[in-house]
Structure formats: C-alpha cells, structure tokens
Amino acid sequence: DMVCKVADFGMSRELSKDDTYDTTGGKIPVKWTAPEAVQLKKFTI
C-alpha cells in the first residue's frame, strides 16, 4: 500500500537522561549525519 516503515535498528540507541547518546567509535553514515554529530560524536533527536 506504499506505507513506509522505519527499519534497520542496528545503530539505534536509547537516549540518556540528558537526551544525548555519546559514542567513542564505530562507523557513522557521514552523508546522512549532522556535521556536529560527526565531529562531536554526540547524537540527539
């Protein structure tokens, strides 16, 4: 029915109490990631 559903939760994370997820390594899909998230390795909504 052309309904789109979010999938592939391999990189998803539950946010901490301060609404961020910090990472020290791992692959980042740079072309789809906010520049500040790539630079600081801090992910938010």
PDB file of all heavy atoms in Angstrom:
ATOM      1  N   ASP A   1       0.818  -1.221   0.000  1.00  0.00           N
ATOM      2  CA  ASP A   1       0.000   0.000   0.000  1.00  0.00           C
ATOM      3  C   ASP A   1       0.850   1.268   0.000  1.00  0.00           C
ATOM      4  O   ASP A   1       0.341   2.356   0.254  1.00  0.00           O
ATOM      5  CB  ASP A   1      -0.928   0.000   1.217  1.00  0.00           C
ATOM      6  CG  ASP A   1      -1.897  -1.170   1.193  1.00  0.00           C
ATOM      7  OD1 ASP A   1      -2.383  -1.516   0.095  1.00  0.00           O
ATOM      8  OD2 ASP A   1      -2.161  -1.739   2.266  1.00  0.00           O
ATOM      9  N   MET A   2       2.144   1.123  -0.255  1.00  0.00           N
ATOM     10  CA  MET A   2       3.108   2.235  -0.251  1.00  0.00           C
ATOM     11  C   MET A   2       3.240   2.879   1.127  1.00  0.00           C
ATOM     12  O   MET A   2       3.587   4.056   1.234  1.00  0.00           O
ATOM     13  CB  MET A   2       2.775   3.275  -1.327  1.00  0.00           C
ATOM     14  CG  MET A   2       3.034   2.739  -2.719  1.00  0.00           C
ATOM     15  SD  MET A   2       2.830   3.862  -4.119  1.00  0.00           S
ATOM     16  CE  MET A   2       2.568   5.458  -3.477  1.00  0.00           C
ATOM     17  N   VAL A   3       2.955   2.119   2.180  1.00  0.00           N
ATOM     18  CA  VAL A   3       3.182   2.606   3.534  1.00  0.00           C
ATOM     19  C   VAL A   3       4.660   2.416   3.844  1.00  0.00           C
ATOM     20  O   VAL A   3       5.208   1.326   3.661  1.00  0.00           O
ATOM     21  CB  VAL A   3       2.314   1.854   4.569  1.00  0.00           C
ATOM     22  CG1 VAL A   3       2.671   2.262   5.990  1.00  0.00           C
ATOM     23  CG2 VAL A   3       0.834   2.103   4.285  1.00  0.00           C
ATOM     24  N   CYS A   4       5.305   3.481   4.293  1.00  0.00           N
ATOM     25  CA  CYS A   4       6.729   3.453   4.614  1.00  0.00           C
ATOM     26  C   CYS A   4       6.912   3.209   6.104  1.00  0.00           C
ATOM     27  O   CYS A   4       6.245   3.849   6.928  1.00  0.00           O
ATOM     28  CB  CYS A   4       7.381   4.774   4.218  1.00  0.00           C
ATOM     29  SG  CYS A   4       7.434   5.000   2.435  1.00  0.00           S
ATOM     30  N   LYS A   5       7.835   2.298   6.421  1.00  0.00           N
ATOM     31  CA  LYS A   5       8.088   1.949   7.816  1.00  0.00           C
ATOM     32  C   LYS A   5       9.576   2.032   8.122  1.00  0.00           C
ATOM     33  O   LYS A   5      10.404   1.510   7.372  1.00  0.00           O
ATOM     34  CB  LYS A   5       7.574   0.549   8.111  1.00  0.00           C
ATOM     35  CG  LYS A   5       6.066   0.439   7.891  1.00  0.00           C
ATOM     36  CD  LYS A   5       5.522  -0.849   8.406  1.00  0.00           C
ATOM     37  CE  LYS A   5       4.007  -0.913   8.136  1.00  0.00           C
ATOM     38  NZ  LYS A   5       3.354  -1.839   9.041  1.00  0.00           N
ATOM     39  N   VAL A   6       9.891   2.680   9.231  1.00  0.00           N
ATOM     40  CA  VAL A   6      11.273   2.796   9.680  1.00  0.00           C
ATOM     41  C   VAL A   6      11.766   1.405  10.066  1.00  0.00           C
ATOM     42  O   VAL A   6      11.081   0.669  10.772  1.00  0.00           O
ATOM     43  CB  VAL A   6      11.386   3.768  10.878  1.00  0.00           C
ATOM     44  CG1 VAL A   6      12.828   3.881  11.343  1.00  0.00           C
ATOM     45  CG2 VAL A   6      10.817   5.137  10.519  1.00  0.00           C
ATOM     46  N   ALA A   7      12.956   1.051   9.581  1.00  0.00           N
ATOM     47  CA  ALA A   7      13.533  -0.266   9.850  1.00  0.00           C
ATOM     48  C   ALA A   7      15.035  -0.105  10.119  1.00  0.00           C
ATOM     49  O   ALA A   7      15.535   1.015  10.208  1.00  0.00           O
ATOM     50  CB  ALA A   7      13.287  -1.184   8.657  1.00  0.00           C
ATOM     51  N   ASP A   8      15.718  -1.212  10.219  1.00  0.00           N
ATOM     52  CA  ASP A   8      17.165  -1.301  10.448  1.00  0.00           C
ATOM     53  C   ASP A   8      17.586  -0.518  11.692  1.00  0.00           C
ATOM     54  O   ASP A   8      18.056   0.610  11.619  1.00  0.00           O
ATOM     55  CB  ASP A   8      17.960  -0.837   9.235  1.00  0.00           C
ATOM     56  CG  ASP A   8      19.431  -1.239   9.356  1.00  0.00           C
ATOM     57  OD1 ASP A   8      19.888  -1.535  10.482  1.00  0.00           O
ATOM     58  OD2 ASP A   8      20.136  -1.235   8.339  1.00  0.00           O
ATOM     59  N   PHE A   9      17.429  -1.171  12.819  1.00  0.00           N
ATOM     60  CA  PHE A   9      17.732  -0.539  14.102  1.00  0.00           C
ATOM     61  C   PHE A   9      19.120  -0.889  14.624  1.00  0.00           C
ATOM     62  O   PHE A   9      19.381  -0.806  15.815  1.00  0.00           O
ATOM     63  CB  PHE A   9      16.652  -0.909  15.126  1.00  0.00           C
ATOM     64  CG  PHE A   9      15.327  -0.314  14.781  1.00  0.00           C
ATOM     65  CD1 PHE A   9      14.387  -1.038  14.057  1.00  0.00           C
ATOM     66  CD2 PHE A   9      15.030   0.986  15.137  1.00  0.00           C
ATOM     67  CE1 PHE A   9      13.169  -0.485  13.709  1.00  0.00           C
ATOM     68  CE2 PHE A   9      13.817   1.559  14.788  1.00  0.00           C
ATOM     69  CZ  PHE A   9      12.887   0.814  14.077  1.00  0.00           C
ATOM     70  N   GLY A  10      20.025  -1.285  13.719  1.00  0.00           N
ATOM     71  CA  GLY A  10      21.369  -1.691  14.125  1.00  0.00           C
ATOM     72  C   GLY A  10      22.162  -0.609  14.826  1.00  0.00           C
ATOM     73  O   GLY A  10      23.017  -0.898  15.655  1.00  0.00           O
ATOM     74  N   MET A  11      21.899   0.653  14.507  1.00  0.00           N
ATOM     75  CA  MET A  11      22.633   1.751  15.146  1.00  0.00           C
ATOM     76  C   MET A  11      21.777   2.532  16.133  1.00  0.00           C
ATOM     77  O   MET A  11      22.257   3.468  16.760  1.00  0.00           O
ATOM     78  CB  MET A  11      23.179   2.707  14.074  1.00  0.00           C
ATOM     79  CG  MET A  11      24.273   2.090  13.233  1.00  0.00           C
ATOM     80  SD  MET A  11      24.953   3.240  12.022  1.00  0.00           S
ATOM     81  CE  MET A  11      25.689   4.482  13.072  1.00  0.00           C
ATOM     82  N   SER A  12      20.506   2.160  16.277  1.00  0.00           N
ATOM     83  CA  SER A  12      19.623   2.938  17.156  1.00  0.00           C
ATOM     84  C   SER A  12      20.032   2.748  18.614  1.00  0.00           C
ATOM     85  O   SER A  12      20.597   1.727  18.997  1.00  0.00           O
ATOM     86  CB  SER A  12      18.166   2.552  16.944  1.00  0.00           C
ATOM     87  OG  SER A  12      17.938   1.237  17.383  1.00  0.00           O
ATOM     88  N   ARG A  13      19.727   3.755  19.398  1.00  0.00           N
ATOM     89  CA  ARG A  13      20.084   3.738  20.814  1.00  0.00           C
ATOM     90  C   ARG A  13      19.017   4.453  21.624  1.00  0.00           C
ATOM     91  O   ARG A  13      18.374   5.383  21.143  1.00  0.00           O
ATOM     92  CB  ARG A  13      21.420   4.467  21.066  1.00  0.00           C
ATOM     93  CG  ARG A  13      22.623   3.840  20.390  1.00  0.00           C
ATOM     94  CD  ARG A  13      22.959   2.471  20.973  1.00  0.00           C
ATOM     95  NE  ARG A  13      24.146   1.904  20.393  1.00  0.00           N
ATOM     96  CZ  ARG A  13      24.182   1.074  19.360  1.00  0.00           C
ATOM     97  NH1 ARG A  13      23.062   0.729  18.759  1.00  0.00           N
ATOM     98  NH2 ARG A  13      25.317   0.594  18.923  1.00  0.00           N
ATOM     99  N   GLU A  14      18.887   4.025  22.869  1.00  0.00           N
ATOM    100  CA  GLU A  14      18.021   4.739  23.793  1.00  0.00           C
ATOM    101  C   GLU A  14      18.810   5.932  24.313  1.00  0.00           C
ATOM    102  O   GLU A  14      19.997   5.823  24.625  1.00  0.00           O
ATOM    103  CB  GLU A  14      17.598   3.829  24.941  1.00  0.00           C
ATOM    104  CG  GLU A  14      16.532   4.442  25.815  1.00  0.00           C
ATOM    105  CD  GLU A  14      15.917   3.443  26.782  1.00  0.00           C
ATOM    106  OE1 GLU A  14      16.438   2.323  26.918  1.00  0.00           O
ATOM    107  OE2 GLU A  14      14.903   3.815  27.398  1.00  0.00           O
ATOM    108  N   LEU A  15      18.132   7.073  24.393  1.00  0.00           N
ATOM    109  CA  LEU A  15      18.802   8.284  24.854  1.00  0.00           C
ATOM    110  C   LEU A  15      19.011   8.256  26.361  1.00  0.00           C
ATOM    111  O   LEU A  15      18.224   7.685  27.109  1.00  0.00           O
ATOM    112  CB  LEU A  15      17.974   9.521  24.480  1.00  0.00           C
ATOM    113  CG  LEU A  15      17.901   9.820  22.990  1.00  0.00           C
ATOM    114  CD1 LEU A  15      16.895  10.931  22.728  1.00  0.00           C
ATOM    115  CD2 LEU A  15      19.267  10.205  22.457  1.00  0.00           C
ATOM    116  N   SER A  16      20.094   8.912  26.792  1.00  0.00           N
ATOM    117  CA  SER A  16      20.348   9.045  28.231  1.00  0.00           C
ATOM    118  C   SER A  16      19.418  10.115  28.810  1.00  0.00           C
ATOM    119  O   SER A  16      18.647  10.739  28.094  1.00  0.00           O
ATOM    120  CB  SER A  16      21.809   9.438  28.455  1.00  0.00           C
ATOM    121  OG  SER A  16      22.051  10.725  27.901  1.00  0.00           O
ATOM    122  N   LYS A  17      19.524  10.336  30.091  1.00  0.00           N
ATOM    123  CA  LYS A  17      18.658  11.322  30.755  1.00  0.00           C
ATOM    124  C   LYS A  17      18.847  12.736  30.210  1.00  0.00           C
ATOM    125  O   LYS A  17      17.955  13.552  30.282  1.00  0.00           O
ATOM    126  CB  LYS A  17      18.901  11.293  32.260  1.00  0.00           C
ATOM    127  CG  LYS A  17      18.369  10.032  32.926  1.00  0.00           C
ATOM    128  CD  LYS A  17      18.489  10.139  34.429  1.00  0.00           C
ATOM    129  CE  LYS A  17      18.083   8.982  35.242  1.00  0.00           C
ATOM    130  NZ  LYS A  17      17.509   7.816  34.770  1.00  0.00           N
ATOM    131  N   ASP A  18      20.027  13.034  29.656  1.00  0.00           N
ATOM    132  CA  ASP A  18      20.242  14.373  29.090  1.00  0.00           C
ATOM    133  C   ASP A  18      19.923  14.425  27.590  1.00  0.00           C
ATOM    134  O   ASP A  18      20.327  15.352  26.897  1.00  0.00           O
ATOM    135  CB  ASP A  18      21.662  14.867  29.372  1.00  0.00           C
ATOM    136  CG  ASP A  18      22.733  14.076  28.635  1.00  0.00           C
ATOM    137  OD1 ASP A  18      22.415  13.032  28.027  1.00  0.00           O
ATOM    138  OD2 ASP A  18      23.897  14.507  28.667  1.00  0.00           O
ATOM    139  N   ASP A  19      19.179  13.420  27.103  1.00  0.00           N
ATOM    140  CA  ASP A  19      18.720  13.363  25.708  1.00  0.00           C
ATOM    141  C   ASP A  19      19.847  13.324  24.687  1.00  0.00           C
ATOM    142  O   ASP A  19      19.721  13.847  23.581  1.00  0.00           O
ATOM    143  CB  ASP A  19      17.771  14.522  25.385  1.00  0.00           C
ATOM    144  CG  ASP A  19      16.445  14.388  26.111  1.00  0.00           C
ATOM    145  OD1 ASP A  19      16.052  13.246  26.410  1.00  0.00           O
ATOM    146  OD2 ASP A  19      15.812  15.426  26.373  1.00  0.00           O
ATOM    147  N   THR A  20      20.974  12.697  25.050  1.00  0.00           N
ATOM    148  CA  THR A  20      22.068  12.522  24.102  1.00  0.00           C
ATOM    149  C   THR A  20      22.548  11.081  24.135  1.00  0.00           C
ATOM    150  O   THR A  20      22.289  10.342  25.078  1.00  0.00           O
ATOM    151  CB  THR A  20      23.279  13.431  24.428  1.00  0.00           C
ATOM    152  OG1 THR A  20      23.802  13.068  25.704  1.00  0.00           O
ATOM    153  CG2 THR A  20      22.915  14.893  24.411  1.00  0.00           C
ATOM    154  N   TYR A  21      23.245  10.708  23.082  1.00  0.00           N
ATOM    155  CA  TYR A  21      23.958   9.438  23.056  1.00  0.00           C
ATOM    156  C   TYR A  21      25.362   9.759  22.590  1.00  0.00           C
ATOM    157  O   TYR A  21      25.563  10.316  21.503  1.00  0.00           O
ATOM    158  CB  TYR A  21      23.302   8.426  22.112  1.00  0.00           C
ATOM    159  CG  TYR A  21      24.136   7.177  21.972  1.00  0.00           C
ATOM    160  CD1 TYR A  21      24.146   6.217  22.982  1.00  0.00           C
ATOM    161  CD2 TYR A  21      24.952   6.979  20.871  1.00  0.00           C
ATOM    162  CE1 TYR A  21      24.944   5.092  22.885  1.00  0.00           C
ATOM    163  CE2 TYR A  21      25.745   5.847  20.763  1.00  0.00           C
ATOM    164  CZ  TYR A  21      25.729   4.911  21.771  1.00  0.00           C
ATOM    165  OH  TYR A  21      26.525   3.791  21.688  1.00  0.00           O
ATOM    166  N   ASP A  22      26.350   9.477  23.431  1.00  0.00           N
ATOM    167  CA  ASP A  22      27.747   9.724  23.106  1.00  0.00           C
ATOM    168  C   ASP A  22      28.385   8.411  22.661  1.00  0.00           C
ATOM    169  O   ASP A  22      28.102   7.356  23.228  1.00  0.00           O
ATOM    170  CB  ASP A  22      28.516  10.254  24.320  1.00  0.00           C
ATOM    171  CG  ASP A  22      27.977  11.586  24.817  1.00  0.00           C
ATOM    172  OD1 ASP A  22      27.305  12.278  24.045  1.00  0.00           O
ATOM    173  OD2 ASP A  22      28.233  11.926  25.979  1.00  0.00           O
ATOM    174  N   THR A  23      29.246   8.503  21.659  1.00  0.00           N
ATOM    175  CA  THR A  23      29.957   7.320  21.200  1.00  0.00           C
ATOM    176  C   THR A  23      31.432   7.648  21.074  1.00  0.00           C
ATOM    177  O   THR A  23      31.806   8.805  20.869  1.00  0.00           O
ATOM    178  CB  THR A  23      29.395   6.818  19.854  1.00  0.00           C
ATOM    179  OG1 THR A  23      30.060   5.622  19.494  1.00  0.00           O
ATOM    180  CG2 THR A  23      29.526   7.836  18.752  1.00  0.00           C
ATOM    181  N   THR A  24      32.242   6.640  21.223  1.00  0.00           N
ATOM    182  CA  THR A  24      33.684   6.852  21.090  1.00  0.00           C
ATOM    183  C   THR A  24      34.227   6.238  19.813  1.00  0.00           C
ATOM    184  O   THR A  24      35.358   6.473  19.445  1.00  0.00           O
ATOM    185  CB  THR A  24      34.441   6.249  22.300  1.00  0.00           C
ATOM    186  OG1 THR A  24      34.066   4.869  22.418  1.00  0.00           O
ATOM    187  CG2 THR A  24      34.112   6.993  23.569  1.00  0.00           C
ATOM    188  N   GLY A  25      33.434   5.435  19.151  1.00  0.00           N
ATOM    189  CA  GLY A  25      33.931   4.793  17.938  1.00  0.00           C
ATOM    190  C   GLY A  25      32.794   4.259  17.111  1.00  0.00           C
ATOM    191  O   GLY A  25      31.636   4.582  17.314  1.00  0.00           O
ATOM    192  N   GLY A  26      33.139   3.409  16.178  1.00  0.00           N
ATOM    193  CA  GLY A  26      32.135   2.817  15.303  1.00  0.00           C
ATOM    194  C   GLY A  26      31.965   3.627  14.042  1.00  0.00           C
ATOM    195  O   GLY A  26      32.428   4.753  13.924  1.00  0.00           O
ATOM    196  N   LYS A  27      31.282   3.028  13.100  1.00  0.00           N
ATOM    197  CA  LYS A  27      31.055   3.686  11.810  1.00  0.00           C
ATOM    198  C   LYS A  27      29.899   4.666  11.920  1.00  0.00           C
ATOM    199  O   LYS A  27      28.926   4.422  12.623  1.00  0.00           O
ATOM    200  CB  LYS A  27      30.760   2.644  10.746  1.00  0.00           C
ATOM    201  CG  LYS A  27      31.957   1.772  10.448  1.00  0.00           C
ATOM    202  CD  LYS A  27      31.699   0.888   9.256  1.00  0.00           C
ATOM    203  CE  LYS A  27      32.958   0.103   8.948  1.00  0.00           C
ATOM    204  NZ  LYS A  27      32.870  -0.588   7.686  1.00  0.00           N
ATOM    205  N   ILE A  28      30.027   5.755  11.198  1.00  0.00           N
ATOM    206  CA  ILE A  28      28.984   6.785  11.153  1.00  0.00           C
ATOM    207  C   ILE A  28      28.634   7.012   9.683  1.00  0.00           C
ATOM    208  O   ILE A  28      29.531   7.239   8.861  1.00  0.00           O
ATOM    209  CB  ILE A  28      29.476   8.105  11.791  1.00  0.00           C
ATOM    210  CG1 ILE A  28      29.777   7.902  13.272  1.00  0.00           C
ATOM    211  CG2 ILE A  28      28.461   9.211  11.593  1.00  0.00           C
ATOM    212  CD1 ILE A  28      30.409   9.105  13.951  1.00  0.00           C
ATOM    213  N   PRO A  29      27.337   6.978   9.333  1.00  0.00           N
ATOM    214  CA  PRO A  29      26.940   7.259   7.940  1.00  0.00           C
ATOM    215  C   PRO A  29      27.026   8.768   7.676  1.00  0.00           C
ATOM    216  O   PRO A  29      26.040   9.496   7.780  1.00  0.00           O
ATOM    217  CB  PRO A  29      25.506   6.735   7.873  1.00  0.00           C
ATOM    218  CG  PRO A  29      25.007   6.812   9.286  1.00  0.00           C
ATOM    219  CD  PRO A  29      26.199   6.602  10.163  1.00  0.00           C
ATOM    220  N   VAL A  30      28.212   9.233   7.347  1.00  0.00           N
ATOM    221  CA  VAL A  30      28.537  10.654   7.292  1.00  0.00           C
ATOM    222  C   VAL A  30      27.584  11.452   6.405  1.00  0.00           C
ATOM    223  O   VAL A  30      27.134  12.537   6.788  1.00  0.00           O
ATOM    224  CB  VAL A  30      30.003  10.851   6.836  1.00  0.00           C
ATOM    225  CG1 VAL A  30      30.305  12.321   6.550  1.00  0.00           C
ATOM    226  CG2 VAL A  30      30.951  10.300   7.900  1.00  0.00           C
ATOM    227  N   LYS A  31      27.228  10.928   5.249  1.00  0.00           N
ATOM    228  CA  LYS A  31      26.390  11.691   4.314  1.00  0.00           C
ATOM    229  C   LYS A  31      24.989  11.946   4.857  1.00  0.00           C
ATOM    230  O   LYS A  31      24.286  12.813   4.365  1.00  0.00           O
ATOM    231  CB  LYS A  31      26.316  10.986   2.962  1.00  0.00           C
ATOM    232  CG  LYS A  31      27.659  10.980   2.252  1.00  0.00           C
ATOM    233  CD  LYS A  31      27.590  10.290   0.925  1.00  0.00           C
ATOM    234  CE  LYS A  31      28.949  10.322   0.254  1.00  0.00           C
ATOM    235  NZ  LYS A  31      28.920   9.797  -1.116  1.00  0.00           N
ATOM    236  N   TRP A  32      24.573  11.189   5.867  1.00  0.00           N
ATOM    237  CA  TRP A  32      23.236  11.334   6.439  1.00  0.00           C
ATOM    238  C   TRP A  32      23.271  11.902   7.859  1.00  0.00           C
ATOM    239  O   TRP A  32      22.243  12.075   8.475  1.00  0.00           O
ATOM    240  CB  TRP A  32      22.508   9.989   6.453  1.00  0.00           C
ATOM    241  CG  TRP A  32      22.107   9.535   5.096  1.00  0.00           C
ATOM    242  CD1 TRP A  32      20.886   9.733   4.496  1.00  0.00           C
ATOM    243  CD2 TRP A  32      22.884   8.818   4.145  1.00  0.00           C
ATOM    244  NE1 TRP A  32      20.877   9.189   3.238  1.00  0.00           N
ATOM    245  CE2 TRP A  32      22.098   8.624   2.994  1.00  0.00           C
ATOM    246  CE3 TRP A  32      24.193   8.331   4.151  1.00  0.00           C
ATOM    247  CZ2 TRP A  32      22.561   7.949   1.871  1.00  0.00           C
ATOM    248  CZ3 TRP A  32      24.660   7.662   3.023  1.00  0.00           C
ATOM    249  CH2 TRP A  32      23.846   7.478   1.905  1.00  0.00           C
ATOM    250  N   THR A  33      24.456  12.176   8.377  1.00  0.00           N
ATOM    251  CA  THR A  33      24.592  12.579   9.773  1.00  0.00           C
ATOM    252  C   THR A  33      24.926  14.059   9.877  1.00  0.00           C
ATOM    253  O   THR A  33      25.757  14.573   9.118  1.00  0.00           O
ATOM    254  CB  THR A  33      25.684  11.732  10.474  1.00  0.00           C
ATOM    255  OG1 THR A  33      25.334  10.350  10.341  1.00  0.00           O
ATOM    256  CG2 THR A  33      25.795  12.074  11.940  1.00  0.00           C
ATOM    257  N   ALA A  34      24.304  14.732  10.838  1.00  0.00           N
ATOM    258  CA  ALA A  34      24.578  16.153  11.079  1.00  0.00           C
ATOM    259  C   ALA A  34      26.075  16.349  11.321  1.00  0.00           C
ATOM    260  O   ALA A  34      26.690  15.571  12.057  1.00  0.00           O
ATOM    261  CB  ALA A  34      23.770  16.635  12.281  1.00  0.00           C
ATOM    262  N   PRO A  35      26.672  17.375  10.711  1.00  0.00           N
ATOM    263  CA  PRO A  35      28.119  17.581  10.853  1.00  0.00           C
ATOM    264  C   PRO A  35      28.584  17.650  12.306  1.00  0.00           C
ATOM    265  O   PRO A  35      29.621  17.093  12.665  1.00  0.00           O
ATOM    266  CB  PRO A  35      28.370  18.913  10.128  1.00  0.00           C
ATOM    267  CG  PRO A  35      27.214  19.066   9.208  1.00  0.00           C
ATOM    268  CD  PRO A  35      26.056  18.376   9.836  1.00  0.00           C
ATOM    269  N   GLU A  36      27.803  18.308  13.169  1.00  0.00           N
ATOM    270  CA  GLU A  36      28.222  18.404  14.578  1.00  0.00           C
ATOM    271  C   GLU A  36      28.162  17.057  15.280  1.00  0.00           C
ATOM    272  O   GLU A  36      28.953  16.782  16.188  1.00  0.00           O
ATOM    273  CB  GLU A  36      27.386  19.453  15.330  1.00  0.00           C
ATOM    274  CG  GLU A  36      25.914  19.133  15.468  1.00  0.00           C
ATOM    275  CD  GLU A  36      25.051  19.534  14.283  1.00  0.00           C
ATOM    276  OE1 GLU A  36      25.582  19.871  13.208  1.00  0.00           O
ATOM    277  OE2 GLU A  36      23.808  19.498  14.439  1.00  0.00           O
ATOM    278  N   ALA A  37      27.260  16.178  14.859  1.00  0.00           N
ATOM    279  CA  ALA A  37      27.197  14.831  15.439  1.00  0.00           C
ATOM    280  C   ALA A  37      28.420  14.025  15.029  1.00  0.00           C
ATOM    281  O   ALA A  37      28.976  13.266  15.831  1.00  0.00           O
ATOM    282  CB  ALA A  37      25.914  14.123  15.031  1.00  0.00           C
ATOM    283  N   VAL A  38      28.858  14.191  13.777  1.00  0.00           N
ATOM    284  CA  VAL A  38      30.066  13.504  13.312  1.00  0.00           C
ATOM    285  C   VAL A  38      31.270  14.028  14.083  1.00  0.00           C
ATOM    286  O   VAL A  38      32.090  13.253  14.594  1.00  0.00           O
ATOM    287  CB  VAL A  38      30.282  13.714  11.792  1.00  0.00           C
ATOM    288  CG1 VAL A  38      31.621  13.133  11.354  1.00  0.00           C
ATOM    289  CG2 VAL A  38      29.143  13.096  10.996  1.00  0.00           C
ATOM    290  N   GLN A  39      31.365  15.338  14.196  1.00  0.00           N
ATOM    291  CA  GLN A  39      32.524  15.961  14.824  1.00  0.00           C
ATOM    292  C   GLN A  39      32.605  15.660  16.325  1.00  0.00           C
ATOM    293  O   GLN A  39      33.649  15.292  16.831  1.00  0.00           O
ATOM    294  CB  GLN A  39      32.474  17.473  14.602  1.00  0.00           C
ATOM    295  CG  GLN A  39      33.684  18.195  15.139  1.00  0.00           C
ATOM    296  CD  GLN A  39      33.598  19.684  14.857  1.00  0.00           C
ATOM    297  OE1 GLN A  39      32.508  20.251  14.814  1.00  0.00           O
ATOM    298  NE2 GLN A  39      34.731  20.313  14.667  1.00  0.00           N
ATOM    299  N   LEU A  40      31.477  15.804  17.026  1.00  0.00           N
ATOM    300  CA  LEU A  40      31.475  15.645  18.486  1.00  0.00           C
ATOM    301  C   LEU A  40      31.148  14.224  18.941  1.00  0.00           C
ATOM    302  O   LEU A  40      31.260  13.916  20.121  1.00  0.00           O
ATOM    303  CB  LEU A  40      30.474  16.622  19.109  1.00  0.00           C
ATOM    304  CG  LEU A  40      30.687  18.099  18.799  1.00  0.00           C
ATOM    305  CD1 LEU A  40      29.535  18.931  19.334  1.00  0.00           C
ATOM    306  CD2 LEU A  40      32.028  18.575  19.355  1.00  0.00           C
ATOM    307  N   LYS A  41      30.699  13.386  17.978  1.00  0.00           N
ATOM    308  CA  LYS A  41      30.257  12.022  18.292  1.00  0.00           C
ATOM    309  C   LYS A  41      29.163  12.015  19.366  1.00  0.00           C
ATOM    310  O   LYS A  41      29.124  11.180  20.240  1.00  0.00           O
ATOM    311  CB  LYS A  41      31.434  11.136  18.681  1.00  0.00           C
ATOM    312  CG  LYS A  41      32.391  10.889  17.529  1.00  0.00           C
ATOM    313  CD  LYS A  41      33.440   9.877  17.887  1.00  0.00           C
ATOM    314  CE  LYS A  41      34.322   9.457  16.757  1.00  0.00           C
ATOM    315  NZ  LYS A  41      34.743  10.352  15.781  1.00  0.00           N
ATOM    316  N   LYS A  42      28.269  13.026  19.251  1.00  0.00           N
ATOM    317  CA  LYS A  42      27.112  13.187  20.140  1.00  0.00           C
ATOM    318  C   LYS A  42      25.862  13.166  19.279  1.00  0.00           C
ATOM    319  O   LYS A  42      25.739  13.956  18.358  1.00  0.00           O
ATOM    320  CB  LYS A  42      27.180  14.533  20.854  1.00  0.00           C
ATOM    321  CG  LYS A  42      27.531  14.487  22.302  1.00  0.00           C
ATOM    322  CD  LYS A  42      27.374  15.896  22.854  1.00  0.00           C
ATOM    323  CE  LYS A  42      27.963  16.159  24.184  1.00  0.00           C
ATOM    324  NZ  LYS A  42      28.077  15.205  25.163  1.00  0.00           N
ATOM    325  N   PHE A  43      24.957  12.256  19.601  1.00  0.00           N
ATOM    326  CA  PHE A  43      23.747  12.102  18.806  1.00  0.00           C
ATOM    327  C   PHE A  43      22.526  12.463  19.635  1.00  0.00           C
ATOM    328  O   PHE A  43      22.448  12.121  20.813  1.00  0.00           O
ATOM    329  CB  PHE A  43      23.631  10.666  18.284  1.00  0.00           C
ATOM    330  CG  PHE A  43      24.732  10.320  17.329  1.00  0.00           C
ATOM    331  CD1 PHE A  43      25.960   9.881  17.796  1.00  0.00           C
ATOM    332  CD2 PHE A  43      24.549  10.463  15.973  1.00  0.00           C
ATOM    333  CE1 PHE A  43      26.985   9.584  16.919  1.00  0.00           C
ATOM    334  CE2 PHE A  43      25.565  10.168  15.083  1.00  0.00           C
ATOM    335  CZ  PHE A  43      26.795   9.719  15.551  1.00  0.00           C
ATOM    336  N   THR A  44      21.592  13.159  18.997  1.00  0.00           N
ATOM    337  CA  THR A  44      20.359  13.573  19.660  1.00  0.00           C
ATOM    338  C   THR A  44      19.215  13.417  18.655  1.00  0.00           C
ATOM    339  O   THR A  44      19.435  13.063  17.501  1.00  0.00           O
ATOM    340  CB  THR A  44      20.423  15.052  20.099  1.00  0.00           C
ATOM    341  OG1 THR A  44      20.498  15.863  18.912  1.00  0.00           O
ATOM    342  CG2 THR A  44      21.614  15.338  21.005  1.00  0.00           C
ATOM    343  N   ILE A  45      18.031  13.742  19.103  1.00  0.00           N
ATOM    344  CA  ILE A  45      16.899  13.745  18.184  1.00  0.00           C
ATOM    345  C   ILE A  45      17.153  14.767  17.070  1.00  0.00           C
ATOM    346  O   ILE A  45      16.776  14.545  15.918  1.00  0.00           O
ATOM    347  CB  ILE A  45      15.589  14.010  18.953  1.00  0.00           C
ATOM    348  CG1 ILE A  45      15.262  12.756  19.772  1.00  0.00           C
ATOM    349  CG2 ILE A  45      14.452  14.366  18.024  1.00  0.00           C
ATOM    350  CD1 ILE A  45      14.133  12.874  20.739  1.00  0.00           C
TER     351      ILE A  45
END
